[in-house]
């Protein structure tokens, strides 16, 4: 699927720098950035959910340790 991406001059410069650093095209750098960001967001959300579950499950233990 084709998509047009409109960037400011400063964002274009950042993308060019990223692509150069990775040794890939700007299109490939964009795709990698999207995938890495999505993966990181999913991971952070899952860690947050698991942390919340653990805090609820072990709330009594955590309270006793705090005393």
Protein backbone atom coordinates (compact mmCIF):
# COMPACT_ATOMS: atom_id res chain seq x y z
CA UNK A 1 0.00 0.00 0.00
CA UNK A 2 1.42 3.36 -0.98
CA UNK A 3 1.47 6.28 1.40
CA UNK A 4 2.65 9.85 1.21
CA UNK A 5 4.55 11.17 4.21
CA UNK A 6 4.83 14.91 4.58
CA UNK A 7 7.70 16.04 6.78
CA UNK A 8 8.94 19.40 7.93
CA UNK A 9 12.44 20.35 6.83
CA UNK A 10 13.80 19.53 10.27
CA UNK A 11 12.08 16.13 10.34
CA UNK A 12 13.39 15.43 6.84
CA UNK A 13 16.90 16.22 8.05
CA UNK A 14 16.49 13.89 11.03
CA UNK A 15 15.22 11.12 8.77
CA UNK A 16 18.12 11.61 6.39
CA UNK A 17 20.55 11.44 9.31
CA UNK A 18 18.90 8.27 10.62
CA UNK A 19 18.96 6.61 7.21
CA UNK A 20 22.61 7.51 6.76
CA UNK A 21 23.47 6.18 10.22
CA UNK A 22 21.69 2.90 9.49
CA UNK A 23 23.05 2.68 5.97
CA UNK A 24 19.57 2.28 4.49
CA UNK A 25 17.13 4.28 2.41
CA UNK A 26 14.87 6.85 4.02
CA UNK A 27 11.92 4.58 3.27
CA UNK A 28 13.58 1.67 5.10
CA UNK A 29 14.56 3.91 8.02
CA UNK A 30 10.94 5.05 8.30
CA UNK A 31 9.60 1.50 8.28
CA UNK A 32 12.14 0.41 10.92
CA UNK A 33 11.33 3.39 13.13
CA UNK A 34 7.60 2.62 12.93
CA UNK A 35 8.13 -1.06 13.74
CA UNK A 36 10.54 -0.39 16.60
CA UNK A 37 8.24 2.22 18.13
CA UNK A 38 5.22 -0.09 17.87
CA UNK A 39 7.16 -2.97 19.42
CA UNK A 40 8.40 -0.78 22.27
CA UNK A 41 4.91 0.57 22.98
CA UNK A 42 3.39 -2.92 23.09
CA UNK A 43 6.18 -4.10 25.38
CA UNK A 44 5.84 -1.13 27.74
CA UNK A 45 2.07 -1.58 27.93
CA UNK A 46 2.46 -5.28 28.74
CA UNK A 47 5.08 -4.61 31.42
CA UNK A 48 2.77 -2.00 32.96
CA UNK A 49 -0.16 -4.42 32.97
CA UNK A 50 1.90 -7.21 34.55
CA UNK A 51 3.32 -4.82 37.14
CA UNK A 52 -0.18 -3.70 38.09
CA UNK A 53 -1.34 -7.29 38.40
CA UNK A 54 1.65 -8.18 40.60
CA UNK A 55 1.08 -5.16 42.84
CA UNK A 56 -2.56 -6.18 43.30
CA UNK A 57 -1.74 -9.83 43.87
CA UNK A 58 1.00 -9.15 46.40
CA UNK A 59 -0.41 -5.99 48.01
CA UNK A 60 -0.58 -7.56 51.45
CA UNK A 61 3.03 -8.75 51.25
CA UNK A 62 4.20 -5.35 50.02
CA UNK A 63 2.36 -3.66 52.90
CA UNK A 64 3.95 -5.99 55.45
CA UNK A 65 7.41 -5.43 54.01
CA UNK A 66 6.87 -1.69 54.30
CA UNK A 67 6.24 -1.89 58.05
